[in-house]
Protein backbone atom coordinates (compact mmCIF):
# COMPACT_ATOMS: atom_id res chain seq x y z
CA MET A 1 159.01 -61.43 162.00
CA GLU A 2 155.93 -62.19 159.92
CA THR A 3 156.21 -65.90 160.73
CA GLY A 4 156.91 -65.28 164.42
CA ASP A 5 160.59 -66.26 164.21
CA PHE A 6 161.95 -63.40 166.31
CA ALA A 7 165.22 -65.21 167.04
CA GLY A 8 165.85 -65.60 163.31
CA ALA A 9 165.03 -61.94 162.70
CA LYS A 10 167.61 -60.88 165.29
CA LYS A 11 170.30 -62.91 163.53
CA VAL A 12 169.62 -61.08 160.28
CA LEU A 13 170.15 -57.72 161.96
CA THR A 14 173.79 -56.78 162.48
CA ARG A 15 174.93 -55.57 165.90
CA GLU A 16 177.52 -53.37 164.26
CA VAL A 17 176.82 -49.72 164.98
CA ARG A 18 176.75 -47.75 161.75
CA ASN A 19 175.98 -44.06 161.40
CA ASP A 20 174.49 -44.19 157.93
CA GLU A 21 170.76 -44.39 157.28
CA ALA A 22 170.75 -48.19 156.82
CA GLY A 23 172.64 -48.69 160.09
CA MET A 24 170.31 -46.39 162.06
CA LEU A 25 167.27 -48.09 160.53
CA ALA A 26 168.62 -51.52 161.53
CA GLN A 27 169.21 -50.42 165.12
CA GLU A 28 165.72 -48.90 165.42
CA PHE A 29 164.25 -52.06 163.97
CA ARG A 30 166.17 -54.17 166.52
CA ILE A 31 164.85 -52.03 169.39
CA MET A 32 161.29 -52.35 168.04
CA LEU A 33 161.74 -56.11 167.70
CA GLU A 34 162.90 -56.49 171.32
CA LYS A 35 160.00 -54.37 172.61
CA ILE A 36 157.43 -56.42 170.66
CA ASN A 37 158.99 -59.65 171.89
CA ALA A 38 158.91 -58.42 175.50
CA LEU A 39 155.26 -57.37 175.20
CA ILE A 40 154.30 -60.76 173.76
CA HIS A 41 155.96 -62.62 176.64
CA GLU A 42 154.45 -60.24 179.20
CA ASN A 43 150.96 -60.75 177.79
CA TYR A 44 151.49 -64.53 177.66
CA GLU A 45 152.55 -64.61 181.32
CA LYS A 46 149.53 -62.50 182.29
CA GLN A 47 147.21 -64.88 180.46
CA LEU A 48 148.79 -67.85 182.24
CA LEU A 49 148.36 -66.08 185.57
CA LEU A 50 144.71 -65.25 184.83
CA LYS A 51 144.06 -68.84 183.79
CA ASP A 52 145.71 -70.17 186.95
CA THR A 53 143.80 -67.71 189.14
CA LYS A 54 140.49 -68.60 187.52
CA TYR A 55 141.19 -72.30 187.92
CA ARG A 56 142.00 -71.91 191.62
CA MET A 57 138.80 -69.93 192.14
CA LEU A 58 136.78 -72.67 190.46
CA GLN A 59 138.50 -75.41 192.40
CA ALA A 60 138.03 -73.67 195.76
CA GLN A 61 134.24 -73.57 195.56
CA ILE A 62 133.55 -76.06 198.37
CA ASN A 63 129.98 -76.19 199.55
CA PRO A 64 129.80 -74.09 202.76
CA HIS A 65 126.54 -75.82 203.72
CA PHE A 66 128.31 -79.17 203.60
CA LEU A 67 130.97 -77.86 205.99
CA TYR A 68 128.31 -76.40 208.29
CA ASN A 69 126.28 -79.63 208.34
CA THR A 70 129.41 -81.69 208.96
CA LEU A 71 130.52 -79.52 211.88
CA ASN A 72 126.97 -79.63 213.26
CA ALA A 73 126.98 -83.43 212.99
CA LEU A 74 130.32 -83.55 214.82
CA ASN A 75 128.80 -81.46 217.60
CA TRP A 76 125.95 -83.86 218.29
CA MET A 77 128.26 -86.88 217.94
CA VAL A 78 130.45 -85.49 220.72
CA GLN A 79 127.39 -84.69 222.86
CA ALA A 80 126.10 -88.23 222.31
CA ASN A 81 129.48 -89.69 223.35
CA ARG A 82 130.05 -91.08 219.87
CA GLY A 83 133.71 -90.19 219.93
CA GLU A 84 134.79 -92.95 217.53
CA ASP A 85 132.33 -91.79 214.85
CA ALA A 86 133.38 -88.18 215.37
CA GLN A 87 137.03 -89.16 214.95
CA LYS A 88 136.28 -90.86 211.62
CA VAL A 89 134.43 -87.81 210.33
CA ILE A 90 137.22 -85.44 211.38
CA ILE A 91 139.83 -87.54 209.56
CA GLU A 92 137.77 -87.73 206.36
CA LEU A 93 136.96 -84.00 206.50
CA GLY A 94 140.67 -83.24 206.85
CA GLN A 95 141.39 -85.28 203.72
CA MET A 96 138.81 -83.27 201.79
CA LEU A 97 140.09 -79.89 202.95
CA ARG A 98 143.65 -80.85 202.10
CA ALA A 99 142.60 -81.77 198.55
CA SER A 100 140.66 -78.54 198.08
CA PHE A 101 143.75 -76.46 198.89
CA ALA A 102 146.02 -78.37 196.49
CA LYS A 103 148.14 -76.11 194.30
CA GLU A 104 148.46 -78.48 191.36
CA PRO A 105 145.43 -78.56 189.02
CA LEU A 106 145.76 -82.30 188.37
CA THR A 107 145.72 -85.34 190.62
CA THR A 108 145.63 -89.08 190.09
CA VAL A 109 142.44 -91.07 189.71
CA ALA A 110 143.44 -93.04 192.81
CA SER A 111 143.54 -89.81 194.85
CA GLU A 112 140.17 -88.72 193.47
CA VAL A 113 138.65 -92.06 194.47
CA ARG A 114 140.06 -91.73 198.00
CA LEU A 115 138.63 -88.22 198.21
CA VAL A 116 135.16 -89.25 197.08
CA LYS A 117 135.21 -92.15 199.55
CA SER A 118 135.98 -89.66 202.32
CA TYR A 119 133.03 -87.56 201.22
CA ILE A 120 130.73 -90.59 201.05
CA THR A 121 131.80 -91.73 204.54
CA ILE A 122 130.79 -88.35 205.95
CA GLN A 123 127.47 -88.31 204.09
CA GLN A 124 126.59 -91.83 205.23
CA PHE A 125 126.45 -90.58 208.81
CA ARG A 126 123.92 -87.98 207.73
CA TYR A 127 121.66 -89.85 205.30
CA ARG A 128 121.87 -93.36 206.77
CA ASN A 129 118.89 -95.29 205.35
CA ARG A 130 117.96 -92.58 202.84
CA ALA A 131 120.85 -93.35 200.50
CA LYS A 132 123.03 -96.25 199.41
CA PHE A 133 126.46 -95.55 197.95
CA GLN A 134 128.59 -97.76 195.71
CA VAL A 135 132.06 -97.17 194.29
CA LYS A 136 133.12 -99.43 191.40
CA ILE A 137 136.58 -99.55 189.84
CA LYS A 138 137.21 -101.33 186.54
CA GLY A 139 140.63 -101.84 184.97
CA ASN A 140 143.68 -99.99 186.33
CA PRO A 141 142.84 -96.27 186.07
CA GLY A 142 144.56 -95.21 189.31
CA ASP A 143 147.75 -93.70 187.87
CA TYR A 144 146.06 -91.50 185.25
CA GLN A 145 145.51 -87.80 185.82
CA VAL A 146 142.25 -85.90 186.28
CA PRO A 147 141.44 -82.43 187.66
CA HIS A 148 141.23 -82.09 191.42
CA MET A 149 137.70 -82.18 192.87
CA THR A 150 135.94 -83.79 189.91
CA LEU A 151 134.18 -86.83 191.38
CA GLN A 152 133.19 -85.30 194.71
CA PRO A 153 131.03 -82.48 193.29
CA LEU A 154 129.33 -85.00 190.98
CA VAL A 155 128.37 -87.07 194.02
CA GLU A 156 127.30 -83.89 195.81
CA ASN A 157 124.98 -83.05 192.93
CA ALA A 158 123.66 -86.62 192.88
CA ILE A 159 122.76 -86.27 196.56
CA TYR A 160 121.22 -82.82 196.22
CA TYR A 161 119.08 -83.61 193.17
CA GLY A 162 118.59 -87.32 193.87
CA VAL A 163 118.58 -88.22 197.56
CA GLU A 164 117.10 -84.94 198.80
CA ASN A 165 114.17 -85.20 196.38
CA SER A 166 113.46 -88.93 196.78
CA LEU A 167 110.77 -90.38 199.02
CA VAL A 168 112.47 -93.78 198.95
CA CYS A 169 116.08 -94.88 199.37
CA CYS A 170 118.17 -93.45 196.53
CA ASN A 171 121.15 -95.27 195.07
CA VAL A 172 124.27 -93.28 194.17
CA ILE A 173 126.72 -95.26 192.05
CA VAL A 174 130.25 -94.04 191.33
CA GLN A 175 132.07 -95.85 188.54
CA VAL A 176 135.66 -95.32 187.41
CA GLN A 177 136.79 -97.33 184.40
CA GLU A 178 139.90 -97.52 182.27
CA LYS A 179 138.99 -97.35 178.59
CA LYS A 180 141.28 -97.81 175.58
CA GLU A 181 142.17 -94.12 175.20
CA ALA A 182 140.43 -92.46 178.14
CA VAL A 183 139.37 -92.79 181.76
CA LEU A 184 135.63 -92.85 182.42
CA LEU A 185 134.31 -91.08 185.52
CA GLU A 186 130.61 -91.73 186.02
CA VAL A 187 128.16 -90.85 188.79
CA ALA A 188 124.55 -92.05 188.60
CA ASN A 189 121.58 -91.75 190.92
CA THR A 190 118.11 -93.33 191.01
CA GLY A 191 116.42 -90.05 191.93
CA PRO A 192 113.48 -88.28 190.28
CA GLY A 193 115.43 -87.34 187.13
CA MET A 194 114.65 -84.44 184.80
CA THR A 195 112.23 -83.58 182.05
CA PRO A 196 113.66 -83.23 178.52
CA GLU A 197 113.36 -79.44 178.85
CA GLU A 198 115.24 -79.38 182.16
CA LEU A 199 117.91 -81.69 180.77
CA GLU A 200 118.45 -79.46 177.74
CA ALA A 201 118.76 -76.40 179.99
CA VAL A 202 121.37 -78.17 182.14
CA ARG A 203 123.34 -79.23 179.06
CA ASN A 204 123.37 -75.65 177.77
CA SER A 205 124.13 -74.19 181.22
CA THR A 206 121.07 -71.96 180.94
CA ILE A 207 119.46 -73.21 184.15
CA LYS A 208 120.41 -71.58 187.45
CA PRO A 209 121.92 -74.09 189.89
CA LYS A 210 119.80 -74.73 192.98
CA GLY A 211 122.66 -75.99 195.14
CA HIS A 212 125.49 -74.22 196.89
CA GLY A 213 128.51 -76.27 195.79
CA ILE A 214 130.45 -76.84 192.60
CA GLY A 215 128.08 -76.97 189.64
CA LEU A 216 128.37 -78.95 186.43
CA LYS A 217 129.36 -75.82 184.49
CA ASN A 218 132.29 -75.35 186.88
CA ILE A 219 133.49 -78.90 186.23
CA ARG A 220 133.19 -78.46 182.46
CA GLU A 221 135.23 -75.25 182.56
CA ARG A 222 138.01 -76.87 184.58
CA LEU A 223 138.11 -79.84 182.22
CA GLU A 224 138.47 -77.53 179.22
CA MET A 225 141.29 -75.62 180.92
CA VAL A 226 143.51 -78.50 182.04
CA CYS A 227 142.34 -81.59 180.11
CA PRO A 228 141.71 -80.63 176.45
CA GLY A 229 139.84 -83.30 174.55
CA SER A 230 137.71 -84.37 177.53
CA LYS A 231 134.06 -85.23 176.97
CA PHE A 232 131.23 -84.33 179.32
CA GLN A 233 127.88 -86.08 179.00
CA ILE A 234 124.69 -85.99 181.04
CA GLU A 235 121.62 -88.20 180.62
CA SER A 236 118.42 -88.12 182.63
CA ARG A 237 114.93 -89.60 182.50
CA LEU A 238 111.99 -88.48 184.59
CA ASP A 239 111.39 -90.86 187.52
CA LYS A 240 114.41 -92.94 186.46
CA GLY A 241 117.42 -90.93 187.58
CA THR A 242 120.43 -89.09 186.18
CA VAL A 243 123.86 -90.13 184.94
CA VAL A 244 126.86 -87.82 184.45
CA ARG A 245 129.81 -89.19 182.46
CA ILE A 246 133.23 -87.65 181.97
CA LEU A 247 135.83 -89.08 179.60
CA VAL A 248 139.35 -87.79 180.25
CA PRO A 249 142.17 -88.64 177.80
CA LYS A 250 144.64 -91.03 179.41
CA ARG A 251 147.75 -89.25 180.66
CA LYS A 252 150.03 -90.27 183.52
CA VAL A 253 152.15 -88.06 185.75
CA GLY A 254 155.06 -86.65 183.74
CA GLU A 255 153.48 -87.32 180.37
CA THR A 256 152.83 -84.40 178.03
CA ASP A 257 150.40 -83.94 175.17
CA VAL A 258 151.72 -84.77 171.71
């Protein structure tokens, strides 16, 4: 029992019912052993449930303002007889909503790229000449797994802190690259950037988010929960822009950690 080998402990105990003191002691010990084992499994299942519930809550934090602005844009597209544009936005929005309700915590890089392209397509209708978006893929990272809704909130933050605060056209560059032992997910913007003090506060999660969507702390927590060994980096220079990099250990569907 001391080493956690409950199955081995049960084998040592005889199932023979004896009425002497040793027999009664053995039976009481067996009952205690089974109760402890049941409690351990019950607690383990509760922890798994809590972890799963917390993850789903984190994943479900879609920006309500984004949904409102998108629906508002669809309204004026219809009024302006821009039915083809409205149809494109509806299709891309449907893709995003479907991904946000996914039950599995992990998805493929290819699916994440499709999702972020849907998001970018919608935002291009809104920002037009205020922002330029690029998506770059290097290597063959598509089959590797990453948490759902990882790239999209990074782009959302790049827009909120970059495009919204820029007086000139802001570039938002999404890069996905296959490395030797990891997949790199990177989102950069040419916005106003941060001071060293602001950057340190963001890295330590001591600054209160100004947006309404999924924050960087949320992404870090989800990475820690479902992709142990991931690395999260953020760099920023005042008047130069900000770069967020995530390195996720390479793992394909069906593969397990060793």
